[in-house]
C-alpha cells in the first residue's frame, strides 16, 4: 500500500540549527531523522529524476550545493555529489520541464551580510549533475518581494507556477507570491505576478496534496 511522507527541516532551538527529517502522514507523531550534521540543513527538496530519487537540502553553511541520493526510500540516503563549491546559496529548487530539461532555481548571496532574499539565479543542469550552465540573465530577479524560492514549481491549468517568498518590512516569511512563468530558456526568463498571501512561508504541491508552512509570528 502506498504511503505519503512529508520531508521537513527539523530545527533545534538548543543547537540553533536544523536537520532533515520526515513523517508518515498516517503516523504523524513518529518523526524520523535522516540527515543530521554539525551544521545547519533545511529546505529538503526531493527530486525524482531518471528513476532515481535525490534530496537536495539548503547547505549554505558549507558554501556548496549538496546532492544526496536515496538508497532505501524514505529512510536511507547517502552523499552523492557537491557542486557550486565556494558559493553561498540557499533554497535549491529543481524543475524538470516538459522537454526533460532540468533546471535549478537558487538564491545566491554575494555580500558579507548573507542576504539570500534579493537575487534569484537559474542554471541548466546537464550530464547527470556534472554541468551547471548559468542563465544568460543571472541574476534573473533582483527583488526581495519575489526573488527567494518558496517551494516546487508546478503546473496549474496548464500554467507553470513558481512560489516565492515575500520578505519585506524586516519580516522573514511576511508572505508568499505566486508567479506564472511564461518563458524559460538559457537566454530568456519571463514571468508575471499572480496571487499573493500573507504569513505563508512555503508551499509544496503534488498531484494529490498541497502543504504549506504558516508563519505564526
Protein backbone atom coordinates (compact mmCIF):
# COMPACT_ATOMS: atom_id res chain seq x y z
CA UNK A 1 0.00 0.00 0.00
CA UNK A 2 1.30 3.40 -0.95
CA UNK A 3 2.25 5.82 1.80
CA UNK A 4 2.70 9.58 1.84
CA UNK A 5 5.66 11.25 3.51
CA UNK A 6 6.48 14.85 4.31
CA UNK A 7 10.16 15.85 4.47
CA UNK A 8 10.98 18.94 6.52
CA UNK A 9 13.59 20.96 8.37
CA UNK A 10 13.62 19.81 11.99
CA UNK A 11 15.00 22.84 13.80
CA UNK A 12 16.66 22.58 17.21
CA UNK A 13 16.48 25.78 19.24
CA UNK A 14 19.07 24.36 21.64
CA UNK A 15 21.63 23.77 18.88
CA UNK A 16 20.40 26.67 16.73
CA UNK A 17 20.45 24.56 13.59
CA UNK A 18 18.22 22.31 11.56
CA UNK A 19 18.46 18.78 10.25
CA UNK A 20 16.37 16.82 7.78
CA UNK A 21 13.52 14.60 8.96
CA UNK A 22 10.31 13.11 7.64
CA UNK A 23 6.95 11.89 8.88
CA UNK A 24 4.49 9.35 7.56
CA UNK A 25 1.11 11.07 7.24
CA UNK A 26 -0.53 8.02 8.80
CA UNK A 27 1.73 8.22 11.86
CA UNK A 28 2.43 11.90 12.38
CA UNK A 29 3.85 11.51 15.88
CA UNK A 30 6.77 9.41 14.68
CA UNK A 31 9.45 11.78 13.37
CA UNK A 32 12.34 10.07 11.59
CA UNK A 33 15.70 11.85 11.30
CA UNK A 34 17.58 11.06 8.09
CA UNK A 35 20.34 13.67 7.62
CA UNK A 36 21.88 15.25 10.71
CA UNK A 37 25.15 17.18 10.57
CA UNK A 38 27.06 19.59 12.86
CA UNK A 39 25.89 22.45 10.64
CA UNK A 40 22.53 23.79 9.58
CA UNK A 41 20.46 22.00 6.93
CA UNK A 42 17.00 22.96 5.75
CA UNK A 43 14.67 23.10 2.71
CA UNK A 44 14.84 19.38 1.77
CA UNK A 45 13.99 19.34 -1.93
CA UNK A 46 13.03 15.89 -3.24
CA UNK A 47 13.78 15.22 -6.91
CA UNK A 48 12.62 12.15 -8.83
CA UNK A 49 14.94 12.10 -11.83
CA UNK A 50 15.79 9.30 -14.28
CA UNK A 51 14.30 6.66 -11.98
CA UNK A 52 16.42 7.82 -9.06
CA UNK A 53 15.38 9.85 -6.04
CA UNK A 54 17.55 12.69 -4.77
CA UNK A 55 17.35 15.01 -1.77
CA UNK A 56 18.93 18.43 -2.13
CA UNK A 57 18.94 20.42 1.13
CA UNK A 58 19.88 24.02 1.75
CA UNK A 59 23.51 23.77 2.88
CA UNK A 60 24.75 27.35 2.72
CA UNK A 61 26.80 26.90 5.91
CA UNK A 62 29.16 24.70 3.88
CA UNK A 63 29.28 27.05 0.84
CA UNK A 64 28.28 24.26 -1.53
CA UNK A 65 25.29 22.59 -3.12
CA UNK A 66 24.87 19.11 -1.62
CA UNK A 67 23.10 16.35 -3.53
CA UNK A 68 22.04 13.25 -1.59
CA UNK A 69 20.88 10.06 -3.28
CA UNK A 70 18.33 7.60 -1.96
CA UNK A 71 19.43 4.07 -1.11
CA UNK A 72 16.20 2.88 0.51
CA UNK A 73 13.22 5.23 0.40
CA UNK A 74 12.48 7.09 2.57
CA UNK A 75 14.93 6.16 5.32
CA UNK A 76 18.40 5.77 3.85
CA UNK A 77 20.33 8.40 1.91
CA UNK A 78 23.98 8.78 1.00
CA UNK A 79 26.06 11.77 -0.01
CA UNK A 80 26.23 11.71 -3.81
CA UNK A 81 27.83 14.91 -5.03
CA UNK A 82 28.70 18.51 -4.18
CA UNK A 83 28.55 21.32 -6.72
CA UNK A 84 28.86 25.11 -6.86
CA UNK A 85 31.64 24.84 -4.29
CA UNK A 86 32.71 28.08 -2.64
CA UNK A 87 29.47 29.92 -3.36
CA UNK A 88 26.78 30.73 -0.82
CA UNK A 89 23.33 29.53 -1.90
CA UNK A 90 20.02 28.75 -0.24
CA UNK A 91 16.75 27.02 -1.12
CA UNK A 92 17.78 24.91 -4.15
CA UNK A 93 14.71 24.18 -6.27
CA UNK A 94 14.91 21.84 -9.26
CA UNK A 95 12.42 21.73 -12.12
CA UNK A 96 12.13 19.19 -14.93
CA UNK A 97 10.33 20.79 -17.86
CA UNK A 98 8.19 19.06 -20.48
CA UNK A 99 11.21 18.68 -22.76
CA UNK A 100 13.11 16.87 -19.97
CA UNK A 101 15.43 19.80 -19.38
CA UNK A 102 16.49 20.00 -15.75
CA UNK A 103 16.69 23.48 -14.22
CA UNK A 104 17.97 24.71 -10.88
CA UNK A 105 16.48 27.83 -9.29
CA UNK A 106 18.60 29.02 -6.37
CA UNK A 107 19.18 32.08 -4.22
CA UNK A 108 22.71 33.38 -4.02
CA UNK A 109 24.34 35.75 -1.55
CA UNK A 110 27.06 37.95 -2.97
CA UNK A 111 27.72 40.08 0.10
CA UNK A 112 29.08 39.64 3.61
CA UNK A 113 25.61 40.01 5.12
CA UNK A 114 24.43 36.65 3.71
CA UNK A 115 21.35 38.18 2.10
CA UNK A 116 19.53 35.39 0.24
CA UNK A 117 16.24 37.22 -0.20
CA UNK A 118 17.08 39.56 -3.04
CA UNK A 119 18.53 37.64 -6.01
CA UNK A 120 17.40 34.58 -7.97
CA UNK A 121 19.76 32.59 -10.18
CA UNK A 122 18.94 29.87 -12.70
CA UNK A 123 21.15 27.07 -14.01
CA UNK A 124 20.51 24.42 -16.61
CA UNK A 125 21.73 21.10 -15.23
CA UNK A 126 23.31 18.68 -17.70
CA UNK A 127 25.10 15.31 -17.76
CA UNK A 128 23.59 13.95 -14.54
CA UNK A 129 24.58 16.91 -12.35
CA UNK A 130 28.07 17.22 -13.83
CA UNK A 131 27.47 20.53 -15.57
CA UNK A 132 25.60 23.61 -14.30
CA UNK A 133 25.17 26.15 -17.11
CA UNK A 134 24.29 29.64 -15.80
CA UNK A 135 21.40 31.55 -17.30
CA UNK A 136 22.48 34.44 -19.52
CA UNK A 137 20.47 36.92 -17.42
CA UNK A 138 21.66 35.85 -13.96
CA UNK A 139 20.51 37.12 -11.57
CA UNK A 140 17.15 36.79 -13.30
CA UNK A 141 15.34 38.53 -10.42
CA UNK A 142 16.60 41.27 -8.11
CA UNK A 143 13.72 41.99 -5.75
CA UNK A 144 13.11 40.79 -2.18
CA UNK A 145 9.36 40.66 -2.88
CA UNK A 146 9.67 37.62 -5.16
CA UNK A 147 13.28 36.51 -5.58
CA UNK A 148 13.58 33.82 -2.92
CA UNK A 149 12.28 30.32 -3.56
CA UNK A 150 9.34 29.05 -1.54
CA UNK A 151 8.68 25.54 -2.87
CA UNK A 152 8.50 23.46 -6.02
CA UNK A 153 7.36 24.68 -9.41
CA UNK A 154 4.10 23.11 -10.56
CA UNK A 155 1.51 23.24 -13.32
CA UNK A 156 -1.98 24.54 -12.65
CA UNK A 157 -4.48 24.73 -15.50
CA UNK A 158 -1.59 24.36 -17.96
CA UNK A 159 0.23 27.32 -16.39
CA UNK A 160 3.66 26.96 -14.82
CA UNK A 161 3.55 28.38 -11.30
CA UNK A 162 6.50 29.28 -9.07
CA UNK A 163 6.05 30.08 -5.36
CA UNK A 164 8.29 32.86 -3.99
CA UNK A 165 8.83 34.35 -0.58
CA UNK A 166 7.85 37.93 0.19
CA UNK A 167 10.43 39.22 2.67
CA UNK A 168 9.67 42.87 3.38
CA UNK A 169 9.31 45.27 6.32
CA UNK A 170 12.15 43.42 8.08
CA UNK A 171 10.00 40.30 8.44
CA UNK A 172 11.24 36.94 7.17
CA UNK A 173 8.23 34.98 5.97
CA UNK A 174 6.00 38.02 5.55
CA UNK A 175 4.13 36.32 2.71
CA UNK A 176 4.03 34.20 -0.40
CA UNK A 177 3.96 35.43 -4.00
CA UNK A 178 2.93 33.18 -6.89
CA UNK A 179 4.48 33.81 -10.29
CA UNK A 180 3.39 32.43 -13.63
CA UNK A 181 6.47 31.63 -15.71
CA UNK A 182 5.72 32.36 -19.34
CA UNK A 183 9.14 31.71 -20.88
CA UNK A 184 12.15 29.73 -19.73
CA UNK A 185 15.32 29.01 -21.68
CA UNK A 186 19.00 29.83 -21.23
CA UNK A 187 18.55 33.26 -22.82
CA UNK A 188 15.11 34.31 -21.57
CA UNK A 189 13.10 34.27 -18.36
CA UNK A 190 9.68 35.90 -18.43
CA UNK A 191 7.04 35.86 -15.73
CA UNK A 192 4.09 37.73 -14.30
CA UNK A 193 2.83 38.06 -10.75
CA UNK A 194 -0.49 36.46 -9.88
CA UNK A 195 -1.79 35.75 -6.35
CA UNK A 196 -0.09 36.61 -3.06
CA UNK A 197 -0.79 35.56 0.54
CA UNK A 198 0.32 36.90 3.91
CA UNK A 199 2.03 34.85 6.63
CA UNK A 200 2.75 31.85 4.38
CA UNK A 201 6.42 30.99 4.04
CA UNK A 202 6.49 27.86 1.86
CA UNK A 203 4.19 25.93 -0.49
CA UNK A 204 4.66 22.39 -1.83
CA UNK A 205 2.26 21.00 -4.44
CA UNK A 206 1.90 17.47 -5.85
CA UNK A 207 -0.79 15.81 -7.93
CA UNK A 208 -2.69 14.83 -4.78
CA UNK A 209 -1.53 17.08 -1.96
CA UNK A 210 -0.74 20.65 -1.05
CA UNK A 211 1.25 21.57 2.06
CA UNK A 212 2.29 24.96 3.36
CA UNK A 213 4.30 26.49 6.16
CA UNK A 214 2.33 29.10 8.10
CA UNK A 215 4.18 31.87 9.91
CA UNK A 216 2.62 32.31 13.36
CA UNK A 217 4.89 35.20 14.42
